[in-house]
C-alpha cells in the first residue's frame, strides 16, 4: 500500500514540478514521511533528488549533443 502511495504522489509531484519548474521534493516530503518515517525520509528523498538531477543532466547533454 505504501509503495502505491509513493508512486502516485511522486507522479503528481513530478507533474507539478515539471509545470512550475521547482518544488517537487517539497511536495513529495509529506508522503515519504508518512511511508518511511521522518528520520529516514530526508536521506531517501535526498538520494532520489540526486538521481533525478543527474539523469536530467545526462538527458540534457545527450539532447544538446555535448560529447565531453
Protein backbone atom coordinates (compact mmCIF):
# COMPACT_ATOMS: atom_id res chain seq x y z
CA UNK A 1 0.00 0.00 0.00
CA UNK A 2 2.75 2.46 0.89
CA UNK A 3 4.53 1.78 -2.40
CA UNK A 4 1.42 2.73 -4.37
CA UNK A 5 1.07 5.91 -2.30
CA UNK A 6 4.69 6.83 -3.03
CA UNK A 7 4.35 6.10 -6.75
CA UNK A 8 1.15 8.12 -7.08
CA UNK A 9 2.42 11.05 -5.02
CA UNK A 10 5.74 11.12 -6.89
CA UNK A 11 3.89 11.15 -10.21
CA UNK A 12 1.72 14.08 -9.10
CA UNK A 13 4.71 15.92 -7.63
CA UNK A 14 6.69 15.44 -10.83
CA UNK A 15 3.80 16.77 -12.94
CA UNK A 16 3.55 19.89 -10.81
CA UNK A 17 7.32 20.28 -10.61
CA UNK A 18 7.64 19.92 -14.38
CA UNK A 19 4.99 22.56 -15.00
CA UNK A 20 6.24 25.03 -12.41
CA UNK A 21 9.96 24.22 -12.55
CA UNK A 22 10.62 23.64 -8.84
CA UNK A 23 9.12 22.26 -5.64
CA UNK A 24 8.91 18.54 -6.38
CA UNK A 25 10.76 17.50 -3.24
CA UNK A 26 8.69 19.82 -1.04
CA UNK A 27 5.50 18.25 -2.37
CA UNK A 28 6.85 14.72 -2.01
CA UNK A 29 8.28 15.08 1.51
CA UNK A 30 4.98 14.58 3.45
CA UNK A 31 4.20 11.37 1.56
CA UNK A 32 7.69 9.98 2.15
CA UNK A 33 7.48 10.87 5.85
CA UNK A 34 4.13 9.09 6.11
CA UNK A 35 5.55 5.95 4.50
CA UNK A 36 9.05 5.60 5.96
CA UNK A 37 9.21 7.97 8.94
CA UNK A 38 10.86 11.32 9.48
CA UNK A 39 14.39 10.07 10.23
CA UNK A 40 14.58 8.05 7.02
CA UNK A 41 12.65 10.43 4.77
CA UNK A 42 15.32 13.10 4.36
CA UNK A 43 18.14 10.76 3.22
CA UNK A 44 15.77 8.82 0.94
CA UNK A 45 14.46 11.99 -0.67
CA UNK A 46 17.96 13.44 -0.99
CA UNK A 47 19.21 10.37 -2.87
CA UNK A 48 16.11 10.34 -5.07
CA UNK A 49 16.57 14.01 -5.95
CA UNK A 50 20.27 13.46 -6.66
CA UNK A 51 19.50 10.61 -9.05
CA UNK A 52 16.77 12.67 -10.73
CA UNK A 53 19.03 15.67 -11.20
CA UNK A 54 21.87 13.53 -12.57
CA UNK A 55 19.51 11.93 -15.08
CA UNK A 56 18.27 15.37 -16.17
CA UNK A 57 21.86 16.44 -16.68
CA UNK A 58 22.60 13.33 -18.76
CA UNK A 59 19.47 13.75 -20.87
CA UNK A 60 20.27 17.42 -21.41
CA UNK A 61 23.77 16.62 -22.56
CA UNK A 62 22.51 13.92 -24.92
CA UNK A 63 19.87 16.24 -26.33
CA UNK A 64 22.30 19.11 -26.88
CA UNK A 65 24.96 16.87 -28.40
CA UNK A 66 27.63 17.68 -25.84
CA UNK A 67 30.31 14.97 -26.10
CA UNK A 68 32.58 15.93 -23.22
